[in-house]
């Protein structure tokens, strides 16, 4: 079966990233291994890396922190790093959003 472009209905090759006639995006590359993935996939089936911007559910605090670049908070005082980690723990435990009322700007 020959693949058809969803943008212009012309024949395409299975490994094309975009349709050459209509420029419709057909595939995306995995950020980790570089293999082609269908646009709808949120996880690379070849290396199990989540696609960028995908929200990961049911992960531990350690897993979430491991996914951050090691220099994400470089240069920050230890107190700031600890405060951010504490805030993350509170958010993860309560799953609530702090909805403090907006300050009035009336004069």
PDB file of N, CA and C in Angstrom:
ATOM      1  N   UNK A   1       0.845  -1.187   0.000  1.00  0.00           N
ATOM      2  CA  UNK A   1       0.000   0.000   0.000  1.00  0.00           C
ATOM      3  C   UNK A   1       0.886   1.244   0.000  1.00  0.00           C
ATOM      4  N   UNK A   2       0.634   2.154  -0.904  1.00  0.00           N
ATOM      5  CA  UNK A   2       1.422   3.377  -1.033  1.00  0.00           C
ATOM      6  C   UNK A   2       0.805   4.455  -0.137  1.00  0.00           C
ATOM      7  N   UNK A   3       1.620   5.071   0.727  1.00  0.00           N
ATOM      8  CA  UNK A   3       1.085   6.127   1.603  1.00  0.00           C
ATOM      9  C   UNK A   3       0.641   7.351   0.807  1.00  0.00           C
ATOM     10  N   UNK A   4      -0.382   8.011   1.316  1.00  0.00           N
ATOM     11  CA  UNK A   4      -0.947   9.208   0.691  1.00  0.00           C
ATOM     12  C   UNK A   4      -0.779  10.385   1.652  1.00  0.00           C
ATOM     13  N   UNK A   5      -0.399  11.530   1.134  1.00  0.00           N
ATOM     14  CA  UNK A   5      -0.246  12.738   1.944  1.00  0.00           C
ATOM     15  C   UNK A   5      -1.621  13.212   2.419  1.00  0.00           C
ATOM     16  N   UNK A   6      -1.785  13.463   3.719  1.00  0.00           N
ATOM     17  CA  UNK A   6      -3.079  13.949   4.215  1.00  0.00           C
ATOM     18  C   UNK A   6      -3.372  15.385   3.791  1.00  0.00           C
ATOM     19  N   UNK A   7      -2.341  16.116   3.338  1.00  0.00           N
ATOM     20  CA  UNK A   7      -2.536  17.507   2.939  1.00  0.00           C
ATOM     21  C   UNK A   7      -2.976  17.690   1.504  1.00  0.00           C
ATOM     22  N   UNK A   8      -2.433  16.861   0.585  1.00  0.00           N
ATOM     23  CA  UNK A   8      -2.732  17.063  -0.836  1.00  0.00           C
ATOM     24  C   UNK A   8      -3.149  15.785  -1.553  1.00  0.00           C
ATOM     25  N   UNK A   9      -3.188  14.674  -0.848  1.00  0.00           N
ATOM     26  CA  UNK A   9      -3.604  13.373  -1.381  1.00  0.00           C
ATOM     27  C   UNK A   9      -2.683  12.828  -2.472  1.00  0.00           C
ATOM     28  N   UNK A  10      -1.458  13.301  -2.534  1.00  0.00           N
ATOM     29  CA  UNK A  10      -0.492  12.759  -3.487  1.00  0.00           C
ATOM     30  C   UNK A  10       0.292  11.639  -2.822  1.00  0.00           C
ATOM     31  N   UNK A  11       0.917  10.815  -3.632  1.00  0.00           N
ATOM     32  CA  UNK A  11       1.719   9.713  -3.107  1.00  0.00           C
ATOM     33  C   UNK A  11       2.960  10.259  -2.409  1.00  0.00           C
ATOM     34  N   UNK A  12       3.305   9.639  -1.284  1.00  0.00           N
ATOM     35  CA  UNK A  12       4.499  10.010  -0.524  1.00  0.00           C
ATOM     36  C   UNK A  12       5.273   8.745  -0.175  1.00  0.00           C
ATOM     37  N   UNK A  13       6.476   8.909   0.304  1.00  0.00           N
ATOM     38  CA  UNK A  13       7.292   7.799   0.786  1.00  0.00           C
ATOM     39  C   UNK A  13       7.116   7.695   2.304  1.00  0.00           C
ATOM     40  N   UNK A  14       7.222   6.492   2.822  1.00  0.00           N
ATOM     41  CA  UNK A  14       6.996   6.249   4.246  1.00  0.00           C
ATOM     42  C   UNK A  14       7.990   6.980   5.143  1.00  0.00           C
ATOM     43  N   UNK A  15       9.182   7.287   4.633  1.00  0.00           N
ATOM     44  CA  UNK A  15      10.189   7.931   5.475  1.00  0.00           C
ATOM     45  C   UNK A  15      10.302   9.440   5.248  1.00  0.00           C
ATOM     46  N   UNK A  16       9.376  10.040   4.527  1.00  0.00           N
ATOM     47  CA  UNK A  16       9.399  11.481   4.321  1.00  0.00           C
ATOM     48  C   UNK A  16       8.905  12.203   5.569  1.00  0.00           C
ATOM     49  N   UNK A  17       9.537  13.318   5.881  1.00  0.00           N
ATOM     50  CA  UNK A  17       9.170  14.122   7.041  1.00  0.00           C
ATOM     51  C   UNK A  17       8.105  15.155   6.669  1.00  0.00           C
ATOM     52  N   UNK A  18       8.084  15.584   5.410  1.00  0.00           N
ATOM     53  CA  UNK A  18       7.105  16.567   4.937  1.00  0.00           C
ATOM     54  C   UNK A  18       6.714  16.245   3.503  1.00  0.00           C
ATOM     55  N   UNK A  19       5.499  16.644   3.147  1.00  0.00           N
ATOM     56  CA  UNK A  19       5.042  16.476   1.772  1.00  0.00           C
ATOM     57  C   UNK A  19       5.720  17.510   0.888  1.00  0.00           C
ATOM     58  N   UNK A  20       6.381  17.096  -0.207  1.00  0.00           N
ATOM     59  CA  UNK A  20       7.124  18.046  -1.037  1.00  0.00           C
ATOM     60  C   UNK A  20       6.235  19.004  -1.827  1.00  0.00           C
ATOM     61  N   UNK A  21       4.978  18.665  -2.018  1.00  0.00           N
ATOM     62  CA  UNK A  21       4.089  19.519  -2.811  1.00  0.00           C
ATOM     63  C   UNK A  21       3.342  20.531  -1.953  1.00  0.00           C
ATOM     64  N   UNK A  22       2.828  20.076  -0.814  1.00  0.00           N
ATOM     65  CA  UNK A  22       1.997  20.958   0.014  1.00  0.00           C
ATOM     66  C   UNK A  22       2.680  21.356   1.325  1.00  0.00           C
ATOM     67  N   UNK A  23       3.843  20.789   1.609  1.00  0.00           N
ATOM     68  CA  UNK A  23       4.632  21.097   2.806  1.00  0.00           C
ATOM     69  C   UNK A  23       3.967  20.647   4.107  1.00  0.00           C
ATOM     70  N   UNK A  24       3.033  19.720   4.019  1.00  0.00           N
ATOM     71  CA  UNK A  24       2.389  19.181   5.216  1.00  0.00           C
ATOM     72  C   UNK A  24       3.408  18.369   6.006  1.00  0.00           C
ATOM     73  N   UNK A  25       3.481  18.619   7.293  1.00  0.00           N
ATOM     74  CA  UNK A  25       4.389  17.856   8.156  1.00  0.00           C
ATOM     75  C   UNK A  25       3.834  16.447   8.315  1.00  0.00           C
ATOM     76  N   UNK A  26       4.672  15.449   8.043  1.00  0.00           N
ATOM     77  CA  UNK A  26       4.234  14.057   8.058  1.00  0.00           C
ATOM     78  C   UNK A  26       4.797  13.269   9.234  1.00  0.00           C
ATOM     79  N   UNK A  27       5.997  13.561   9.641  1.00  0.00           N
ATOM     80  CA  UNK A  27       6.683  12.835  10.714  1.00  0.00           C
ATOM     81  C   UNK A  27       7.464  13.834  11.558  1.00  0.00           C
ATOM     82  N   UNK A  28       7.914  13.372  12.721  1.00  0.00           N
ATOM     83  CA  UNK A  28       8.827  14.151  13.552  1.00  0.00           C
ATOM     84  C   UNK A  28       9.960  13.233  13.984  1.00  0.00           C
ATOM     85  N   UNK A  29      11.079  13.826  14.328  1.00  0.00           N
ATOM     86  CA  UNK A  29      12.233  13.050  14.776  1.00  0.00           C
ATOM     87  C   UNK A  29      12.272  13.019  16.300  1.00  0.00           C
ATOM     88  N   UNK A  30      12.654  11.883  16.832  1.00  0.00           N
ATOM     89  CA  UNK A  30      12.848  11.750  18.269  1.00  0.00           C
ATOM     90  C   UNK A  30      14.035  12.621  18.672  1.00  0.00           C
ATOM     91  N   UNK A  31      13.877  13.384  19.744  1.00  0.00           N
ATOM     92  CA  UNK A  31      14.943  14.255  20.231  1.00  0.00           C
ATOM     93  C   UNK A  31      16.132  13.462  20.761  1.00  0.00           C
ATOM     94  N   UNK A  32      15.888  12.227  21.192  1.00  0.00           N
ATOM     95  CA  UNK A  32      16.948  11.415  21.791  1.00  0.00           C
ATOM     96  C   UNK A  32      17.691  10.574  20.747  1.00  0.00           C
ATOM     97  N   UNK A  33      16.963   9.739  19.999  1.00  0.00           N
ATOM     98  CA  UNK A  33      17.623   8.789  19.090  1.00  0.00           C
ATOM     99  C   UNK A  33      17.584   9.219  17.624  1.00  0.00           C
ATOM    100  N   UNK A  34      16.749  10.201  17.283  1.00  0.00           N
ATOM    101  CA  UNK A  34      16.701  10.707  15.921  1.00  0.00           C
ATOM    102  C   UNK A  34      15.843   9.913  14.953  1.00  0.00           C
ATOM    103  N   UNK A  35      15.218   8.844  15.416  1.00  0.00           N
ATOM    104  CA  UNK A  35      14.378   8.030  14.527  1.00  0.00           C
ATOM    105  C   UNK A  35      13.073   8.771  14.238  1.00  0.00           C
ATOM    106  N   UNK A  36      12.464   8.453  13.095  1.00  0.00           N
ATOM    107  CA  UNK A  36      11.206   9.084  12.715  1.00  0.00           C
ATOM    108  C   UNK A  36      10.046   8.507  13.513  1.00  0.00           C
ATOM    109  N   UNK A  37       9.132   9.392  13.900  1.00  0.00           N
ATOM    110  CA  UNK A  37       7.942   9.005  14.661  1.00  0.00           C
ATOM    111  C   UNK A  37       6.714   9.607  13.996  1.00  0.00           C
ATOM    112  N   UNK A  38       5.569   8.952  14.142  1.00  0.00           N
ATOM    113  CA  UNK A  38       4.315   9.552  13.698  1.00  0.00           C
ATOM    114  C   UNK A  38       4.047  10.787  14.548  1.00  0.00           C
ATOM    115  N   UNK A  39       3.381  11.777  13.973  1.00  0.00           N
ATOM    116  CA  UNK A  39       3.114  13.018  14.696  1.00  0.00           C
ATOM    117  C   UNK A  39       2.281  12.793  15.956  1.00  0.00           C
ATOM    118  N   UNK A  40       1.392  11.828  15.934  1.00  0.00           N
ATOM    119  CA  UNK A  40       0.498  11.596  17.073  1.00  0.00           C
ATOM    120  C   UNK A  40       1.185  10.895  18.244  1.00  0.00           C
ATOM    121  N   UNK A  41       2.355  10.335  18.021  1.00  0.00           N
ATOM    122  CA  UNK A  41       3.030   9.600  19.090  1.00  0.00           C
ATOM    123  C   UNK A  41       3.620  10.555  20.115  1.00  0.00           C
ATOM    124  N   UNK A  42       3.369  10.279  21.398  1.00  0.00           N
ATOM    125  CA  UNK A  42       3.911  11.078  22.492  1.00  0.00           C
ATOM    126  C   UNK A  42       5.137  10.441  23.123  1.00  0.00           C
ATOM    127  N   UNK A  43       5.487   9.247  22.651  1.00  0.00           N
ATOM    128  CA  UNK A  43       6.614   8.505  23.190  1.00  0.00           C
ATOM    129  C   UNK A  43       7.309   7.802  22.034  1.00  0.00           C
ATOM    130  N   UNK A  44       8.623   7.914  21.976  1.00  0.00           N
ATOM    131  CA  UNK A  44       9.368   7.232  20.918  1.00  0.00           C
ATOM    132  C   UNK A  44       9.319   5.730  21.167  1.00  0.00           C
ATOM    133  N   UNK A  45       8.848   4.942  20.204  1.00  0.00           N
ATOM    134  CA  UNK A  45       8.776   3.495  20.406  1.00  0.00           C
ATOM    135  C   UNK A  45      10.141   2.813  20.322  1.00  0.00           C
ATOM    136  N   UNK A  46      11.161   3.536  19.888  1.00  0.00           N
ATOM    137  CA  UNK A  46      12.490   2.957  19.724  1.00  0.00           C
ATOM    138  C   UNK A  46      13.365   3.122  20.965  1.00  0.00           C
ATOM    139  N   UNK A  47      13.229   4.269  21.658  1.00  0.00           N
ATOM    140  CA  UNK A  47      14.080   4.504  22.835  1.00  0.00           C
ATOM    141  C   UNK A  47      13.282   4.886  24.078  1.00  0.00           C
ATOM    142  N   UNK A  48      11.958   4.953  23.969  1.00  0.00           N
ATOM    143  CA  UNK A  48      11.047   5.252  25.089  1.00  0.00           C
ATOM    144  C   UNK A  48      11.221   6.654  25.658  1.00  0.00           C
ATOM    145  N   UNK A  49      11.712   7.591  24.856  1.00  0.00           N
ATOM    146  CA  UNK A  49      11.843   8.978  25.290  1.00  0.00           C
ATOM    147  C   UNK A  49      10.533   9.714  25.019  1.00  0.00           C
ATOM    148  N   UNK A  50       9.979  10.412  26.036  1.00  0.00           N
ATOM    149  CA  UNK A  50       8.765  11.201  25.796  1.00  0.00           C
ATOM    150  C   UNK A  50       9.054  12.342  24.821  1.00  0.00           C
ATOM    151  N   UNK A  51       8.085  12.657  23.995  1.00  0.00           N
ATOM    152  CA  UNK A  51       8.221  13.780  23.073  1.00  0.00           C
ATOM    153  C   UNK A  51       8.257  15.075  23.883  1.00  0.00           C
ATOM    154  N   UNK A  52       8.982  16.108  23.415  1.00  0.00           N
ATOM    155  CA  UNK A  52       9.051  17.369  24.152  1.00  0.00           C
ATOM    156  C   UNK A  52       7.668  17.967  24.367  1.00  0.00           C
ATOM    157  N   UNK A  53       7.459  18.502  25.546  1.00  0.00           N
ATOM    158  CA  UNK A  53       6.196  19.147  25.875  1.00  0.00           C
ATOM    159  C   UNK A  53       5.101  18.216  26.329  1.00  0.00           C
ATOM    160  N   UNK A  54       5.359  16.938  26.371  1.00  0.00           N
ATOM    161  CA  UNK A  54       4.356  15.970  26.800  1.00  0.00           C
ATOM    162  C   UNK A  54       4.342  15.911  28.313  1.00  0.00           C
ATOM    163  N   UNK A  55       3.166  16.034  28.895  1.00  0.00           N
ATOM    164  CA  UNK A  55       3.029  15.956  30.347  1.00  0.00           C
ATOM    165  C   UNK A  55       3.125  14.500  30.777  1.00  0.00           C
ATOM    166  N   UNK A  56       3.999  14.236  31.730  1.00  0.00           N
ATOM    167  CA  UNK A  56       4.170  12.878  32.231  1.00  0.00           C
ATOM    168  C   UNK A  56       3.384  12.734  33.520  1.00  0.00           C
ATOM    169  N   UNK A  57       2.573  11.711  33.593  1.00  0.00           N
ATOM    170  CA  UNK A  57       1.745  11.437  34.765  1.00  0.00           C
ATOM    171  C   UNK A  57       2.398  10.371  35.631  1.00  0.00           C
ATOM    172  N   UNK A  58       2.055  10.371  36.905  1.00  0.00           N
ATOM    173  CA  UNK A  58       2.456   9.318  37.845  1.00  0.00           C
ATOM    174  C   UNK A  58       3.962   9.078  37.878  1.00  0.00           C
ATOM    175  N   UNK A  59       4.739  10.159  37.994  1.00  0.00           N
ATOM    176  CA  UNK A  59       6.173   9.989  38.147  1.00  0.00           C
ATOM    177  C   UNK A  59       6.575  10.463  39.534  1.00  0.00           C
ATOM    178  N   UNK A  60       7.670   9.942  40.024  1.00  0.00           N
ATOM    179  CA  UNK A  60       8.147  10.327  41.348  1.00  0.00           C
ATOM    180  C   UNK A  60       8.881  11.658  41.257  1.00  0.00           C
ATOM    181  N   UNK A  61       9.110  12.274  42.413  1.00  0.00           N
ATOM    182  CA  UNK A  61       9.847  13.532  42.461  1.00  0.00           C
ATOM    183  C   UNK A  61      11.261  13.332  41.909  1.00  0.00           C
ATOM    184  N   UNK A  62      11.900  12.220  42.261  1.00  0.00           N
ATOM    185  CA  UNK A  62      13.252  11.950  41.773  1.00  0.00           C
ATOM    186  C   UNK A  62      13.278  11.842  40.252  1.00  0.00           C
ATOM    187  N   UNK A  63      12.283  11.180  39.661  1.00  0.00           N
ATOM    188  CA  UNK A  63      12.224  11.058  38.202  1.00  0.00           C
ATOM    189  C   UNK A  63      12.039  12.423  37.549  1.00  0.00           C
ATOM    190  N   UNK A  64      11.199  13.263  38.148  1.00  0.00           N
ATOM    191  CA  UNK A  64      10.962  14.600  37.598  1.00  0.00           C
ATOM    192  C   UNK A  64      12.228  15.443  37.664  1.00  0.00           C
ATOM    193  N   UNK A  65      12.940  15.361  38.778  1.00  0.00           N
ATOM    194  CA  UNK A  65      14.155  16.151  38.930  1.00  0.00           C
ATOM    195  C   UNK A  65      15.280  15.630  38.046  1.00  0.00           C
ATOM    196  N   UNK A  66      15.320  14.332  37.781  1.00  0.00           N
ATOM    197  CA  UNK A  66      16.352  13.772  36.916  1.00  0.00           C
ATOM    198  C   UNK A  66      16.200  14.262  35.488  1.00  0.00           C
ATOM    199  N   UNK A  67      14.979  14.571  35.075  1.00  0.00           N
ATOM    200  CA  UNK A  67      14.765  15.014  33.705  1.00  0.00           C
ATOM    201  C   UNK A  67      15.183  16.462  33.488  1.00  0.00           C
ATOM    202  N   UNK A  68      15.453  17.200  34.577  1.00  0.00           N
ATOM    203  CA  UNK A  68      15.916  18.576  34.456  1.00  0.00           C
ATOM    204  C   UNK A  68      17.395  18.589  34.101  1.00  0.00           C
ATOM    205  N   UNK A  69      17.824  19.579  33.306  1.00  0.00           N
ATOM    206  CA  UNK A  69      19.260  19.690  33.038  1.00  0.00           C
ATOM    207  C   UNK A  69      20.009  19.900  34.349  1.00  0.00           C
ATOM    208  N   UNK A  70      21.192  19.357  34.462  1.00  0.00           N
ATOM    209  CA  UNK A  70      21.939  19.447  35.717  1.00  0.00           C
ATOM    210  C   UNK A  70      22.304  20.876  36.068  1.00  0.00           C
ATOM    211  N   UNK A  71      22.383  21.755  35.081  1.00  0.00           N
ATOM    212  CA  UNK A  71      22.716  23.145  35.366  1.00  0.00           C
ATOM    213  C   UNK A  71      21.481  24.039  35.391  1.00  0.00           C
ATOM    214  N   UNK A  72      20.287  23.448  35.524  1.00  0.00           N
ATOM    215  CA  UNK A  72      19.048  24.227  35.489  1.00  0.00           C
ATOM    216  C   UNK A  72      19.020  25.279  36.578  1.00  0.00           C
ATOM    217  N   UNK A  73      19.579  24.963  37.741  1.00  0.00           N
ATOM    218  CA  UNK A  73      19.572  25.919  38.839  1.00  0.00           C
ATOM    219  C   UNK A  73      20.998  26.252  39.266  1.00  0.00           C
ATOM    220  N   UNK A  74      21.930  26.110  38.356  1.00  0.00           N
ATOM    221  CA  UNK A  74      23.319  26.440  38.667  1.00  0.00           C
ATOM    222  C   UNK A  74      23.422  27.911  39.025  1.00  0.00           C
ATOM    223  N   UNK A  75      24.191  28.198  40.028  1.00  0.00           N
ATOM    224  CA  UNK A  75      24.368  29.582  40.453  1.00  0.00           C
ATOM    225  C   UNK A  75      23.307  30.056  41.419  1.00  0.00           C
ATOM    226  N   UNK A  76      22.270  29.281  41.633  1.00  0.00           N
ATOM    227  CA  UNK A  76      21.229  29.649  42.584  1.00  0.00           C
ATOM    228  C   UNK A  76      21.695  29.293  43.990  1.00  0.00           C
ATOM    229  N   UNK A  77      21.355  30.123  44.975  1.00  0.00           N
ATOM    230  CA  UNK A  77      21.693  29.776  46.356  1.00  0.00           C
ATOM    231  C   UNK A  77      21.005  28.478  46.765  1.00  0.00           C
ATOM    232  N   UNK A  78      21.632  27.733  47.656  1.00  0.00           N
ATOM    233  CA  UNK A  78      21.086  26.450  48.109  1.00  0.00           C
ATOM    234  C   UNK A  78      19.693  26.623  48.689  1.00  0.00           C
ATOM    235  N   UNK A  79      19.445  27.777  49.338  1.00  0.00           N
ATOM    236  CA  UNK A  79      18.120  28.015  49.922  1.00  0.00           C
ATOM    237  C   UNK A  79      17.057  28.077  48.834  1.00  0.00           C
ATOM    238  N   UNK A  80      17.384  28.689  47.695  1.00  0.00           N
ATOM    239  CA  UNK A  80      16.434  28.793  46.588  1.00  0.00           C
ATOM    240  C   UNK A  80      16.128  27.416  46.017  1.00  0.00           C
ATOM    241  N   UNK A  81      17.159  26.617  45.822  1.00  0.00           N
ATOM    242  CA  UNK A  81      16.973  25.265  45.299  1.00  0.00           C
ATOM    243  C   UNK A  81      16.098  24.459  46.241  1.00  0.00           C
ATOM    244  N   UNK A  82      16.367  24.535  47.547  1.00  0.00           N
ATOM    245  CA  UNK A  82      15.578  23.797  48.535  1.00  0.00           C
ATOM    246  C   UNK A  82      14.131  24.281  48.535  1.00  0.00           C
ATOM    247  N   UNK A  83      13.922  25.586  48.409  1.00  0.00           N
ATOM    248  CA  UNK A  83      12.561  26.125  48.401  1.00  0.00           C
ATOM    249  C   UNK A  83      11.788  25.635  47.183  1.00  0.00           C
ATOM    250  N   UNK A  84      12.433  25.604  46.030  1.00  0.00           N
ATOM    251  CA  UNK A  84      11.778  25.112  44.816  1.00  0.00           C
ATOM    252  C   UNK A  84      11.420  23.644  44.977  1.00  0.00           C
ATOM    253  N   UNK A  85      12.342  22.856  45.503  1.00  0.00           N
ATOM    254  CA  UNK A  85      12.066  21.433  45.709  1.00  0.00           C
ATOM    255  C   UNK A  85      10.915  21.243  46.685  1.00  0.00           C
ATOM    256  N   UNK A  86      10.871  22.055  47.771  1.00  0.00           N
ATOM    257  CA  UNK A  86       9.770  21.960  48.732  1.00  0.00           C
ATOM    258  C   UNK A  86       8.445  22.321  48.075  1.00  0.00           C
ATOM    259  N   UNK A  87       8.446  23.375  47.245  1.00  0.00           N
ATOM    260  CA  UNK A  87       7.222  23.767  46.542  1.00  0.00           C
ATOM    261  C   UNK A  87       6.739  22.647  45.634  1.00  0.00           C
ATOM    262  N   UNK A  88       7.669  21.991  44.945  1.00  0.00           N
ATOM    263  CA  UNK A  88       7.290  20.885  44.073  1.00  0.00           C
ATOM    264  C   UNK A  88       6.675  19.750  44.869  1.00  0.00           C
ATOM    265  N   UNK A  89       7.226  19.465  46.043  1.00  0.00           N
ATOM    266  CA  UNK A  89       6.692  18.389  46.875  1.00  0.00           C
ATOM    267  C   UNK A  89       5.284  18.727  47.347  1.00  0.00           C
ATOM    268  N   UNK A  90       5.075  19.976  47.779  1.00  0.00           N
ATOM    269  CA  UNK A  90       3.750  20.394  48.243  1.00  0.00           C
ATOM    270  C   UNK A  90       2.749  20.299  47.106  1.00  0.00           C
ATOM    271  N   UNK A  91       3.114  20.799  45.913  1.00  0.00           N
ATOM    272  CA  UNK A  91       2.216  20.734  44.761  1.00  0.00           C
ATOM    273  C   UNK A  91       1.888  19.295  44.405  1.00  0.00           C
ATOM    274  N   UNK A  92       2.882  18.428  44.444  1.00  0.00           N
ATOM    275  CA  UNK A  92       2.666  17.027  44.086  1.00  0.00           C
ATOM    276  C   UNK A  92       1.769  16.325  45.098  1.00  0.00           C
ATOM    277  N   UNK A  93       1.921  16.674  46.381  1.00  0.00           N
ATOM    278  CA  UNK A  93       1.123  16.024  47.417  1.00  0.00           C
ATOM    279  C   UNK A  93      -0.316  16.522  47.429  1.00  0.00           C
ATOM    280  N   UNK A  94      -0.485  17.820  47.316  1.00  0.00           N
ATOM    281  CA  UNK A  94      -1.827  18.383  47.432  1.00  0.00           C
ATOM    282  C   UNK A  94      -2.554  18.424  46.100  1.00  0.00           C
ATOM    283  N   UNK A  95      -1.790  18.533  45.007  1.00  0.00           N
ATOM    284  CA  UNK A  95      -2.361  18.627  43.671  1.00  0.00           C
ATOM    285  C   UNK A  95      -3.311  19.812  43.559  1.00  0.00           C
ATOM    286  N   UNK A  96      -3.108  20.821  44.422  1.00  0.00           N
ATOM    287  CA  UNK A  96      -3.928  22.027  44.422  1.00  0.00           C
ATOM    288  C   UNK A  96      -3.141  23.170  43.807  1.00  0.00           C
ATOM    289  N   UNK A  97      -3.865  24.132  43.281  1.00  0.00           N
ATOM    290  CA  UNK A  97      -3.248  25.323  42.736  1.00  0.00           C
ATOM    291  C   UNK A  97      -3.491  26.446  43.724  1.00  0.00           C
ATOM    292  N   UNK A  98      -2.438  27.194  44.026  1.00  0.00           N
ATOM    293  CA  UNK A  98      -2.563  28.321  44.934  1.00  0.00           C
ATOM    294  C   UNK A  98      -3.286  29.438  44.199  1.00  0.00           C
ATOM    295  N   UNK A  99      -4.496  29.716  44.616  1.00  0.00           N
ATOM    296  CA  UNK A  99      -5.290  30.739  43.959  1.00  0.00           C
ATOM    297  C   UNK A  99      -5.492  31.902  44.910  1.00  0.00           C
ATOM    298  N   UNK A 100      -4.435  32.661  45.157  1.00  0.00           N
ATOM    299  CA  UNK A 100      -4.554  33.815  46.030  1.00  0.00           C
ATOM    300  C   UNK A 100      -5.211  34.941  45.252  1.00  0.00           C
ATOM    301  N   UNK A 101      -6.037  35.738  45.933  1.00  0.00           N
ATOM    302  CA  UNK A 101      -6.741  36.818  45.227  1.00  0.00           C
ATOM    303  C   UNK A 101      -5.755  37.842  44.682  1.00  0.00           C
ATOM    304  N   UNK A 102      -6.094  38.400  43.531  1.00  0.00           N
ATOM    305  CA  UNK A 102      -5.245  39.412  42.918  1.00  0.00           C
ATOM    306  C   UNK A 102      -5.311  40.685  43.741  1.00  0.00           C
ATOM    307  N   UNK A 103      -4.178  41.374  43.824  1.00  0.00           N
ATOM    308  CA  UNK A 103      -4.152  42.612  44.583  1.00  0.00           C
ATOM    309  C   UNK A 103      -4.880  43.699  43.811  1.00  0.00           C
ATOM    310  N   UNK A 104      -5.591  44.531  44.527  1.00  0.00           N
ATOM    311  CA  UNK A 104      -6.345  45.604  43.901  1.00  0.00           C
ATOM    312  C   UNK A 104      -5.400  46.722  43.503  1.00  0.00           C
ATOM    313  N   UNK A 105      -5.617  47.294  42.328  1.00  0.00           N
ATOM    314  CA  UNK A 105      -4.782  48.400  41.859  1.00  0.00           C
ATOM    315  C   UNK A 105      -5.573  49.698  41.860  1.00  0.00           C
ATOM    316  N   UNK A 106      -6.726  49.711  42.550  1.00  0.00           N
ATOM    317  CA  UNK A 106      -7.544  50.920  42.590  1.00  0.00           C
ATOM    318  C   UNK A 106      -6.862  51.969  43.434  1.00  0.00           C
ATOM    319  N   UNK A 107      -7.101  53.241  43.084  1.00  0.00           N
ATOM    320  CA  UNK A 107      -6.500  54.344  43.840  1.00  0.00           C
ATOM    321  C   UNK A 107      -7.536  55.095  44.594  1.00  0.00           C
TER     322      UNK A 107
END
